[in-house]
């Protein structure tokens, strides 16, 4: 299995112009924080292979209610993830005073970037099912669950829900038909209850 990681590191560097860090921890070594994050201080600011998983929440079905794919979730073991968040502030100038009064209007969405590989490790064929799964959750227009050690810290309170904003499949060179690099842009989503009087 280690030869796959080495090859993927080189392919990642060729595709995304950076080299991810591989965490080689012993099973007995504790690499988790109290929020279930598989991160350590020493990995801050570095790209790290950070497995992630999309779950369909029971909504990926066709017109007849039948499941579109043979699997209900997609695990991506070779991915790097970054997250960015912002707040929306109302700034009100005061007459005769310097500066403004700042009021937090709301907490903005989290923007998540995922880079990695779709791989058919079993048959070493083109990963068509995985590509179709990502295409379907992009086109479905519904929020899906996204689990990852980093994003769980930020999204756990809203049920880890995201929508797919952008999906890019990158060109592959060198005859690697069973490996397909991809980039995704995700945005956090909340579920709201609308009450009509």
C-alpha atoms as a PDB file:
ATOM      1  CA  UNK A   1       0.000   0.000   0.000  1.00  0.00           C
ATOM      2  CA  UNK A   2       2.905   2.406   0.645  1.00  0.00           C
ATOM      3  CA  UNK A   3       3.810   2.507  -3.047  1.00  0.00           C
ATOM      4  CA  UNK A   4       0.356   3.994  -3.760  1.00  0.00           C
ATOM      5  CA  UNK A   5       0.915   6.828  -1.271  1.00  0.00           C
ATOM      6  CA  UNK A   6       4.335   7.656  -2.746  1.00  0.00           C
ATOM      7  CA  UNK A   7       2.939   7.669  -6.283  1.00  0.00           C
ATOM      8  CA  UNK A   8      -0.039   9.770  -5.196  1.00  0.00           C
ATOM      9  CA  UNK A   9       2.204  12.297  -3.497  1.00  0.00           C
ATOM     10  CA  UNK A  10       4.097  12.799  -6.742  1.00  0.00           C
ATOM     11  CA  UNK A  11       0.860  13.020  -8.752  1.00  0.00           C
ATOM     12  CA  UNK A  12      -0.589  15.461  -6.208  1.00  0.00           C
ATOM     13  CA  UNK A  13       2.503  17.651  -6.536  1.00  0.00           C
ATOM     14  CA  UNK A  14       2.267  17.586 -10.345  1.00  0.00           C
ATOM     15  CA  UNK A  15      -1.461  18.427 -10.313  1.00  0.00           C
ATOM     16  CA  UNK A  16      -1.817  20.871  -7.396  1.00  0.00           C
ATOM     17  CA  UNK A  17       1.797  22.183  -7.141  1.00  0.00           C
ATOM     18  CA  UNK A  18       2.324  21.276  -3.488  1.00  0.00           C
ATOM     19  CA  UNK A  19       3.222  18.142  -1.571  1.00  0.00           C
ATOM     20  CA  UNK A  20       0.947  16.855   1.205  1.00  0.00           C
ATOM     21  CA  UNK A  21       2.317  15.638   4.491  1.00  0.00           C
ATOM     22  CA  UNK A  22       1.631  11.999   5.383  1.00  0.00           C
ATOM     23  CA  UNK A  23       0.913  11.270   9.043  1.00  0.00           C
ATOM     24  CA  UNK A  24       2.600   8.015  10.017  1.00  0.00           C
ATOM     25  CA  UNK A  25       1.340   7.450  13.558  1.00  0.00           C
ATOM     26  CA  UNK A  26       1.408   4.208  15.492  1.00  0.00           C
ATOM     27  CA  UNK A  27      -1.997   2.800  16.502  1.00  0.00           C
ATOM     28  CA  UNK A  28      -1.164   3.365  20.179  1.00  0.00           C
ATOM     29  CA  UNK A  29      -0.208   7.014  19.587  1.00  0.00           C
ATOM     30  CA  UNK A  30      -2.975   9.493  20.417  1.00  0.00           C
ATOM     31  CA  UNK A  31      -3.347  12.046  17.603  1.00  0.00           C
ATOM     32  CA  UNK A  32      -6.839  13.245  18.511  1.00  0.00           C
ATOM     33  CA  UNK A  33      -8.034  16.357  20.269  1.00  0.00           C
ATOM     34  CA  UNK A  34     -11.143  16.564  22.431  1.00  0.00           C
ATOM     35  CA  UNK A  35     -13.269  17.492  19.352  1.00  0.00           C
ATOM     36  CA  UNK A  36     -12.332  14.257  17.464  1.00  0.00           C
ATOM     37  CA  UNK A  37      -9.791  16.017  15.290  1.00  0.00           C
ATOM     38  CA  UNK A  38      -6.928  13.892  13.943  1.00  0.00           C
ATOM     39  CA  UNK A  39      -4.608  16.902  13.960  1.00  0.00           C
ATOM     40  CA  UNK A  40      -1.578  17.944  15.987  1.00  0.00           C
ATOM     41  CA  UNK A  41      -0.070  21.358  16.510  1.00  0.00           C
ATOM     42  CA  UNK A  42       2.951  20.379  14.397  1.00  0.00           C
ATOM     43  CA  UNK A  43       0.743  19.984  11.283  1.00  0.00           C
ATOM     44  CA  UNK A  44      -0.698  23.518  11.378  1.00  0.00           C
ATOM     45  CA  UNK A  45      -0.236  25.314   8.047  1.00  0.00           C
ATOM     46  CA  UNK A  46       0.721  22.119   6.195  1.00  0.00           C
ATOM     47  CA  UNK A  47      -1.319  20.129   3.717  1.00  0.00           C
ATOM     48  CA  UNK A  48      -2.077  16.722   5.195  1.00  0.00           C
ATOM     49  CA  UNK A  49      -3.820  13.681   3.735  1.00  0.00           C
ATOM     50  CA  UNK A  50      -7.093  13.955   5.643  1.00  0.00           C
ATOM     51  CA  UNK A  51      -9.703  11.344   4.663  1.00  0.00           C
ATOM     52  CA  UNK A  52     -13.246  12.591   4.178  1.00  0.00           C
ATOM     53  CA  UNK A  53     -16.648  11.079   3.503  1.00  0.00           C
ATOM     54  CA  UNK A  54     -19.824  12.224   1.754  1.00  0.00           C
ATOM     55  CA  UNK A  55     -23.108  10.712   2.933  1.00  0.00           C
ATOM     56  CA  UNK A  56     -26.308  10.956   0.954  1.00  0.00           C
ATOM     57  CA  UNK A  57     -28.790  11.413   3.833  1.00  0.00           C
ATOM     58  CA  UNK A  58     -31.163   9.057   2.007  1.00  0.00           C
ATOM     59  CA  UNK A  59     -31.895  11.552  -0.770  1.00  0.00           C
ATOM     60  CA  UNK A  60     -29.869  10.227  -3.699  1.00  0.00           C
ATOM     61  CA  UNK A  61     -32.633   8.360  -5.494  1.00  0.00           C
ATOM     62  CA  UNK A  62     -34.186   8.406  -8.949  1.00  0.00           C
ATOM     63  CA  UNK A  63     -37.794   9.290  -9.914  1.00  0.00           C
ATOM     64  CA  UNK A  64     -39.009   5.873  -8.735  1.00  0.00           C
ATOM     65  CA  UNK A  65     -37.405   6.227  -5.302  1.00  0.00           C
ATOM     66  CA  UNK A  66     -34.688   3.679  -6.085  1.00  0.00           C
ATOM     67  CA  UNK A  67     -31.112   4.280  -4.948  1.00  0.00           C
ATOM     68  CA  UNK A  68     -29.038   5.629  -7.831  1.00  0.00           C
ATOM     69  CA  UNK A  69     -25.771   4.094  -6.650  1.00  0.00           C
ATOM     70  CA  UNK A  70     -24.849   0.837  -4.984  1.00  0.00           C
ATOM     71  CA  UNK A  71     -23.319   2.749  -2.060  1.00  0.00           C
ATOM     72  CA  UNK A  72     -24.828   5.334   0.268  1.00  0.00           C
ATOM     73  CA  UNK A  73     -21.587   7.147   1.062  1.00  0.00           C
ATOM     74  CA  UNK A  74     -18.313   7.921  -0.678  1.00  0.00           C
ATOM     75  CA  UNK A  75     -15.066   7.688   1.287  1.00  0.00           C
ATOM     76  CA  UNK A  76     -12.106   9.613  -0.092  1.00  0.00           C
ATOM     77  CA  UNK A  77      -8.925   8.540   1.749  1.00  0.00           C
ATOM     78  CA  UNK A  78      -6.533  10.625  -0.375  1.00  0.00           C
ATOM     79  CA  UNK A  79      -7.703  14.215   0.039  1.00  0.00           C
ATOM     80  CA  UNK A  80      -6.562  17.486   1.553  1.00  0.00           C
ATOM     81  CA  UNK A  81      -9.101  19.875   3.057  1.00  0.00           C
ATOM     82  CA  UNK A  82      -9.056  23.580   3.905  1.00  0.00           C
ATOM     83  CA  UNK A  83     -11.829  25.650   5.488  1.00  0.00           C
ATOM     84  CA  UNK A  84     -12.501  29.380   5.591  1.00  0.00           C
ATOM     85  CA  UNK A  85     -15.203  31.276   7.462  1.00  0.00           C
ATOM     86  CA  UNK A  86     -16.275  34.881   7.855  1.00  0.00           C
ATOM     87  CA  UNK A  87     -18.752  37.001   9.798  1.00  0.00           C
ATOM     88  CA  UNK A  88     -21.153  39.640   8.509  1.00  0.00           C
ATOM     89  CA  UNK A  89     -20.882  42.898  10.432  1.00  0.00           C
ATOM     90  CA  UNK A  90     -23.023  46.044  10.365  1.00  0.00           C
ATOM     91  CA  UNK A  91     -20.838  49.123  10.802  1.00  0.00           C
ATOM     92  CA  UNK A  92     -22.568  52.321  11.882  1.00  0.00           C
ATOM     93  CA  UNK A  93     -20.685  55.626  11.927  1.00  0.00           C
ATOM     94  CA  UNK A  94     -21.257  57.877  14.947  1.00  0.00           C
ATOM     95  CA  UNK A  95     -21.647  61.612  14.562  1.00  0.00           C
ATOM     96  CA  UNK A  96     -18.655  63.479  15.948  1.00  0.00           C
ATOM     97  CA  UNK A  97     -16.723  60.318  16.848  1.00  0.00           C
ATOM     98  CA  UNK A  98     -13.877  58.443  15.170  1.00  0.00           C
ATOM     99  CA  UNK A  99     -14.530  54.981  13.820  1.00  0.00           C
ATOM    100  CA  UNK A 100     -17.751  52.973  13.718  1.00  0.00           C
ATOM    101  CA  UNK A 101     -19.902  50.863  16.003  1.00  0.00           C
ATOM    102  CA  UNK A 102     -19.720  47.251  14.898  1.00  0.00           C
ATOM    103  CA  UNK A 103     -22.615  44.846  15.328  1.00  0.00           C
ATOM    104  CA  UNK A 104     -22.362  41.184  14.466  1.00  0.00           C
ATOM    105  CA  UNK A 105     -25.271  40.596  12.073  1.00  0.00           C
ATOM    106  CA  UNK A 106     -24.662  36.885  11.574  1.00  0.00           C
ATOM    107  CA  UNK A 107     -22.006  34.241  11.214  1.00  0.00           C
ATOM    108  CA  UNK A 108     -21.313  33.589   7.553  1.00  0.00           C
ATOM    109  CA  UNK A 109     -21.063  30.258   5.786  1.00  0.00           C
ATOM    110  CA  UNK A 110     -17.904  28.177   5.813  1.00  0.00           C
ATOM    111  CA  UNK A 111     -16.184  27.698   2.451  1.00  0.00           C
ATOM    112  CA  UNK A 112     -14.438  24.347   2.169  1.00  0.00           C
ATOM    113  CA  UNK A 113     -11.909  23.324  -0.465  1.00  0.00           C
ATOM    114  CA  UNK A 114     -11.239  19.626  -1.071  1.00  0.00           C
ATOM    115  CA  UNK A 115      -8.425  18.408  -3.333  1.00  0.00           C
ATOM    116  CA  UNK A 116      -7.622  14.782  -3.890  1.00  0.00           C
ATOM    117  CA  UNK A 117      -8.048  11.646  -5.958  1.00  0.00           C
ATOM    118  CA  UNK A 118     -10.844   9.339  -6.997  1.00  0.00           C
ATOM    119  CA  UNK A 119      -9.311   5.869  -7.195  1.00  0.00           C
ATOM    120  CA  UNK A 120     -10.589   2.472  -8.222  1.00  0.00           C
ATOM    121  CA  UNK A 121      -8.180   0.430  -6.107  1.00  0.00           C
ATOM    122  CA  UNK A 122     -10.079  -2.853  -6.463  1.00  0.00           C
ATOM    123  CA  UNK A 123     -10.280  -3.178 -10.253  1.00  0.00           C
ATOM    124  CA  UNK A 124      -7.744  -0.515 -11.328  1.00  0.00           C
ATOM    125  CA  UNK A 125     -10.307   0.833 -13.797  1.00  0.00           C
ATOM    126  CA  UNK A 126     -11.598   4.349 -14.442  1.00  0.00           C
ATOM    127  CA  UNK A 127     -13.492   5.380 -11.213  1.00  0.00           C
ATOM    128  CA  UNK A 128     -16.781   5.979 -13.010  1.00  0.00           C
ATOM    129  CA  UNK A 129     -19.042   5.233 -10.018  1.00  0.00           C
ATOM    130  CA  UNK A 130     -17.195   7.731  -7.822  1.00  0.00           C
ATOM    131  CA  UNK A 131     -17.288  10.400 -10.533  1.00  0.00           C
ATOM    132  CA  UNK A 132     -21.024   9.829 -11.037  1.00  0.00           C
ATOM    133  CA  UNK A 133     -21.604  10.049  -7.278  1.00  0.00           C
ATOM    134  CA  UNK A 134     -19.889  13.449  -7.076  1.00  0.00           C
ATOM    135  CA  UNK A 135     -21.726  14.628 -10.200  1.00  0.00           C
ATOM    136  CA  UNK A 136     -25.037  13.561  -8.719  1.00  0.00           C
ATOM    137  CA  UNK A 137     -24.572  15.298  -5.363  1.00  0.00           C
ATOM    138  CA  UNK A 138     -23.485  18.430  -7.247  1.00  0.00           C
ATOM    139  CA  UNK A 139     -26.544  18.400  -9.519  1.00  0.00           C
ATOM    140  CA  UNK A 140     -29.070  17.198  -6.922  1.00  0.00           C
ATOM    141  CA  UNK A 141     -29.379  20.632  -5.337  1.00  0.00           C
ATOM    142  CA  UNK A 142     -29.658  19.204  -1.803  1.00  0.00           C
ATOM    143  CA  UNK A 143     -27.312  19.343   1.170  1.00  0.00           C
ATOM    144  CA  UNK A 144     -25.255  16.255   1.921  1.00  0.00           C
ATOM    145  CA  UNK A 145     -23.316  15.259   5.017  1.00  0.00           C
ATOM    146  CA  UNK A 146     -19.551  15.831   4.834  1.00  0.00           C
ATOM    147  CA  UNK A 147     -17.341  14.288   7.505  1.00  0.00           C
ATOM    148  CA  UNK A 148     -13.691  15.131   7.988  1.00  0.00           C
ATOM    149  CA  UNK A 149     -11.474  15.576  11.064  1.00  0.00           C
ATOM    150  CA  UNK A 150     -10.920  19.287  10.340  1.00  0.00           C
ATOM    151  CA  UNK A 151     -14.386  20.321   9.173  1.00  0.00           C
ATOM    152  CA  UNK A 152     -16.105  18.364  11.973  1.00  0.00           C
ATOM    153  CA  UNK A 153     -14.760  20.991  14.398  1.00  0.00           C
ATOM    154  CA  UNK A 154     -16.660  23.750  12.566  1.00  0.00           C
ATOM    155  CA  UNK A 155     -19.710  21.948  11.165  1.00  0.00           C
ATOM    156  CA  UNK A 156     -20.694  19.554  13.964  1.00  0.00           C
ATOM    157  CA  UNK A 157     -23.273  21.980  15.388  1.00  0.00           C
ATOM    158  CA  UNK A 158     -25.096  22.244  12.041  1.00  0.00           C
ATOM    159  CA  UNK A 159     -25.077  18.528  11.260  1.00  0.00           C
ATOM    160  CA  UNK A 160     -22.020  18.587   8.939  1.00  0.00           C
ATOM    161  CA  UNK A 161     -24.228  19.686   6.027  1.00  0.00           C
ATOM    162  CA  UNK A 162     -22.695  21.127   2.862  1.00  0.00           C
ATOM    163  CA  UNK A 163     -23.720  21.919  -0.692  1.00  0.00           C
ATOM    164  CA  UNK A 164     -21.414  21.532  -3.677  1.00  0.00           C
ATOM    165  CA  UNK A 165     -20.588  24.867  -5.266  1.00  0.00           C
ATOM    166  CA  UNK A 166     -18.018  23.691  -7.807  1.00  0.00           C
ATOM    167  CA  UNK A 167     -16.535  20.388  -9.020  1.00  0.00           C
ATOM    168  CA  UNK A 168     -13.420  20.144 -11.201  1.00  0.00           C
ATOM    169  CA  UNK A 169     -11.910  16.954 -12.642  1.00  0.00           C
ATOM    170  CA  UNK A 170      -8.313  17.551 -13.635  1.00  0.00           C
ATOM    171  CA  UNK A 171      -6.406  16.104 -16.549  1.00  0.00           C
ATOM    172  CA  UNK A 172      -4.350  12.986 -15.860  1.00  0.00           C
ATOM    173  CA  UNK A 173      -1.091  12.262 -17.641  1.00  0.00           C
ATOM    174  CA  UNK A 174       1.025   9.137 -17.585  1.00  0.00           C
ATOM    175  CA  UNK A 175      -1.598   6.469 -18.242  1.00  0.00           C
ATOM    176  CA  UNK A 176      -3.110   6.372 -14.744  1.00  0.00           C
ATOM    177  CA  UNK A 177      -6.630   5.468 -15.824  1.00  0.00           C
ATOM    178  CA  UNK A 178      -7.736   4.344 -12.342  1.00  0.00           C
ATOM    179  CA  UNK A 179      -6.723   7.636 -10.633  1.00  0.00           C
ATOM    180  CA  UNK A 180      -8.585  10.887 -11.274  1.00  0.00           C
ATOM    181  CA  UNK A 181      -7.562  14.154  -9.528  1.00  0.00           C
ATOM    182  CA  UNK A 182     -10.446  16.408  -8.479  1.00  0.00           C
ATOM    183  CA  UNK A 183     -11.115  19.696  -6.725  1.00  0.00           C
ATOM    184  CA  UNK A 184     -14.368  20.604  -4.992  1.00  0.00           C
ATOM    185  CA  UNK A 185     -15.632  23.807  -3.449  1.00  0.00           C
ATOM    186  CA  UNK A 186     -18.240  23.239  -0.746  1.00  0.00           C
ATOM    187  CA  UNK A 187     -20.322  25.667   1.302  1.00  0.00           C
ATOM    188  CA  UNK A 188     -21.791  24.886   4.716  1.00  0.00           C
ATOM    189  CA  UNK A 189     -25.574  24.686   4.918  1.00  0.00           C
ATOM    190  CA  UNK A 190     -28.077  25.041   7.751  1.00  0.00           C
ATOM    191  CA  UNK A 191     -31.553  23.612   8.141  1.00  0.00           C
ATOM    192  CA  UNK A 192     -34.138  26.226   9.084  1.00  0.00           C
ATOM    193  CA  UNK A 193     -37.749  25.743  10.127  1.00  0.00           C
ATOM    194  CA  UNK A 194     -40.141  28.146   8.450  1.00  0.00           C
ATOM    195  CA  UNK A 195     -43.155  28.884  10.608  1.00  0.00           C
ATOM    196  CA  UNK A 196     -46.153  30.392   8.821  1.00  0.00           C
ATOM    197  CA  UNK A 197     -48.918  31.956  10.917  1.00  0.00           C
END
